[in-house]
Amino acid sequence: MTTSRILPIINVIGCFLVTGVVIGQWIKERRVNGEIRNLRMEITSTQENYEKEHKRAETLQGDVNQLKDSIEAMAKAKVEFEASLTKDAEEHNARMQAENATVQEQTQIWQKAIADRDEVIAKLNSNLSATRARLDEAVSKLKKAGAQ
């Protein structure tokens, strides 16, 4: 074989080898492109899930903040209610003490009035007894004078 014949054969073999390498690269590239496509779909899915979870986390954080505000408002209302209740109890106690003092004063006034009334009744009773005794004496004198 001469060089003029060997060169075309080597050339054909080289072309087949290059074609095999190109086809191998093309197949490998298609497989890699499929993997890239799958990875991009996973990335997209992961980003969507991240956004959903991020929105959910924001919503939950808002709920937590609202709950904290509600608890603080309830604690403040409790303190205010207890203060109001204490104030009302103190006012009621003061009113009751004042009313009790007034009732005691009125009771003393009534006791004095009853004692004065009893004294007047006793005087009137003694005057009535004295008047009755004089009336009885006058009636008996009249009976004696009328009998004579």
Protein backbone atom coordinates (compact mmCIF):
# COMPACT_ATOMS: atom_id res chain seq x y z
CA MET A 1 0.00 0.00 0.00
CA THR A 2 1.15 3.28 -0.86
CA THR A 3 0.90 6.43 1.04
CA SER A 4 -1.62 7.74 -1.33
CA ARG A 5 -3.89 4.85 -0.41
CA ILE A 6 -3.21 4.82 3.28
CA LEU A 7 -3.96 8.47 3.77
CA PRO A 8 -7.57 8.26 2.59
CA ILE A 9 -8.14 5.21 4.81
CA ILE A 10 -6.65 7.01 7.79
CA ASN A 11 -8.73 10.00 6.85
CA VAL A 12 -11.93 7.89 6.79
CA ILE A 13 -11.03 6.29 10.09
CA GLY A 14 -10.29 9.75 11.53
CA CYS A 15 -13.64 11.01 10.22
CA PHE A 16 -15.43 8.06 11.85
CA LEU A 17 -13.59 8.71 15.09
CA VAL A 18 -14.42 12.43 14.99
CA THR A 19 -18.02 11.57 14.09
CA GLY A 20 -18.13 9.11 17.03
CA VAL A 21 -16.72 11.75 19.35
CA VAL A 22 -19.23 14.34 18.05
CA ILE A 23 -22.13 11.91 18.46
CA GLY A 24 -20.89 10.95 21.95
CA GLN A 25 -20.64 14.63 22.87
CA TRP A 26 -24.09 15.28 21.41
CA ILE A 27 -25.62 12.39 23.43
CA LYS A 28 -23.80 13.54 26.56
CA GLU A 29 -24.99 17.13 25.94
CA ARG A 30 -28.63 15.96 25.57
CA ARG A 31 -28.38 14.02 28.83
CA VAL A 32 -26.79 17.01 30.59
CA ASN A 33 -29.46 19.34 29.11
CA GLY A 34 -32.16 16.97 30.47
CA GLU A 35 -30.53 17.05 33.88
CA ILE A 36 -30.26 20.85 33.69
CA ARG A 37 -33.94 21.06 32.72
CA ASN A 38 -34.86 18.82 35.70
CA LEU A 39 -32.67 20.88 38.03
CA ARG A 40 -34.25 24.12 36.77
CA MET A 41 -37.70 22.65 37.40
CA GLU A 42 -36.57 21.68 40.91
CA ILE A 43 -35.19 25.20 41.43
CA THR A 44 -38.47 26.72 40.25
CA SER A 45 -40.46 24.38 42.50
CA THR A 46 -38.14 25.11 45.42
CA GLN A 47 -38.45 28.87 44.83
CA GLU A 48 -42.24 28.60 44.72
CA ASN A 49 -42.23 26.57 47.93
CA TYR A 50 -39.85 29.10 49.49
CA GLU A 51 -42.14 31.98 48.52
CA LYS A 52 -45.19 30.13 49.91
CA GLU A 53 -43.40 29.34 53.15
CA HIS A 54 -42.04 32.88 53.38
CA LYS A 55 -45.56 34.29 52.97
CA ARG A 56 -46.83 31.78 55.53
CA ALA A 57 -44.04 32.78 57.93
CA GLU A 58 -44.93 36.46 57.46
CA THR A 59 -48.59 35.66 58.13
CA LEU A 60 -47.67 33.67 61.23
CA GLN A 61 -45.37 36.47 62.41
CA GLY A 62 -48.25 38.92 61.95
CA ASP A 63 -50.50 36.60 63.95
CA VAL A 64 -47.86 36.33 66.68
CA ASN A 65 -47.49 40.14 66.80
CA GLN A 66 -51.26 40.52 66.94
CA LEU A 67 -51.45 37.95 69.72
CA LYS A 68 -48.70 39.76 71.65
CA ASP A 69 -50.57 43.05 71.26
CA SER A 70 -53.76 41.37 72.41
CA ILE A 71 -52.03 39.88 75.46
CA GLU A 72 -50.48 43.25 76.32
CA ALA A 73 -53.87 44.95 75.96
CA MET A 74 -55.47 42.31 78.17
CA ALA A 75 -52.74 42.71 80.80
CA LYS A 76 -53.17 46.49 80.72
CA ALA A 77 -56.96 46.14 80.97
CA LYS A 78 -56.51 43.74 83.91
CA VAL A 79 -54.28 46.22 85.74
CA GLU A 80 -56.73 49.05 85.03
CA PHE A 81 -59.66 46.90 86.14
CA GLU A 82 -57.89 45.92 89.36
CA ALA A 83 -57.04 49.57 90.04
CA SER A 84 -60.64 50.58 89.33
CA LEU A 85 -61.92 47.75 91.50
CA THR A 86 -59.60 48.79 94.35
CA LYS A 87 -60.66 52.41 93.97
CA ASP A 88 -64.35 51.44 93.93
CA ALA A 89 -63.85 49.25 97.00
CA GLU A 90 -62.10 52.09 98.84
CA GLU A 91 -64.84 54.55 97.86
CA HIS A 92 -67.51 52.07 98.94
CA ASN A 93 -65.70 51.47 102.23
CA ALA A 94 -65.42 55.23 102.84
CA ARG A 95 -69.12 55.69 101.99
CA MET A 96 -70.08 52.83 104.31
CA GLN A 97 -68.00 54.31 107.14
CA ALA A 98 -69.61 57.72 106.60
CA GLU A 99 -73.07 56.15 106.54
CA ASN A 100 -72.23 54.13 109.65
CA ALA A 101 -71.12 57.30 111.44
CA THR A 102 -74.34 59.03 110.33
CA VAL A 103 -76.43 56.08 111.56
CA GLN A 104 -74.61 56.14 114.92
CA GLU A 105 -75.22 59.89 115.24
CA GLN A 106 -78.90 59.43 114.35
CA THR A 107 -79.16 56.56 116.84
CA GLN A 108 -77.71 58.77 119.59
CA ILE A 109 -80.12 61.58 118.67
CA TRP A 110 -83.05 59.14 118.75
CA GLN A 111 -81.88 57.67 122.06
CA LYS A 112 -81.70 61.17 123.55
CA ALA A 113 -85.11 62.04 122.08
CA ILE A 114 -86.60 58.82 123.51
CA ALA A 115 -85.00 59.55 126.91
CA ASP A 116 -86.42 63.11 126.80
CA ARG A 117 -89.83 61.76 125.79
CA ASP A 118 -89.74 59.19 128.59
CA GLU A 119 -88.85 61.97 131.04
CA VAL A 120 -91.72 64.12 129.79
CA ILE A 121 -94.09 61.15 129.97
CA ALA A 122 -92.94 60.43 133.53
CA LYS A 123 -93.56 64.09 134.50
CA LEU A 124 -96.96 64.08 132.80
CA ASN A 125 -97.80 60.79 134.46
CA SER A 126 -96.87 62.16 137.89
CA ASN A 127 -98.88 65.34 137.13
CA LEU A 128 -101.78 63.18 135.97
CA SER A 129 -101.54 61.07 139.14
CA ALA A 130 -101.49 64.23 141.27
CA THR A 131 -104.43 65.67 139.33
CA ARG A 132 -106.35 62.38 139.67
CA ALA A 133 -105.65 62.37 143.41
CA ARG A 134 -106.97 65.93 143.70
CA LEU A 135 -109.96 65.06 141.54
CA ASP A 136 -110.70 62.03 143.69
CA GLU A 137 -110.39 64.19 146.80
CA ALA A 138 -112.68 66.82 145.31
CA VAL A 139 -115.25 64.16 144.33
CA SER A 140 -115.20 62.68 147.81
CA LYS A 141 -115.64 66.20 149.33
CA LEU A 142 -118.57 66.77 146.99
CA LYS A 143 -120.12 63.49 147.98
CA LYS A 144 -119.73 64.38 151.67
CA ALA A 145 -121.15 67.83 151.10
CA GLY A 146 -124.03 66.45 149.07
CA ALA A 147 -124.78 63.84 151.74
CA GLN A 148 -125.05 66.42 154.45
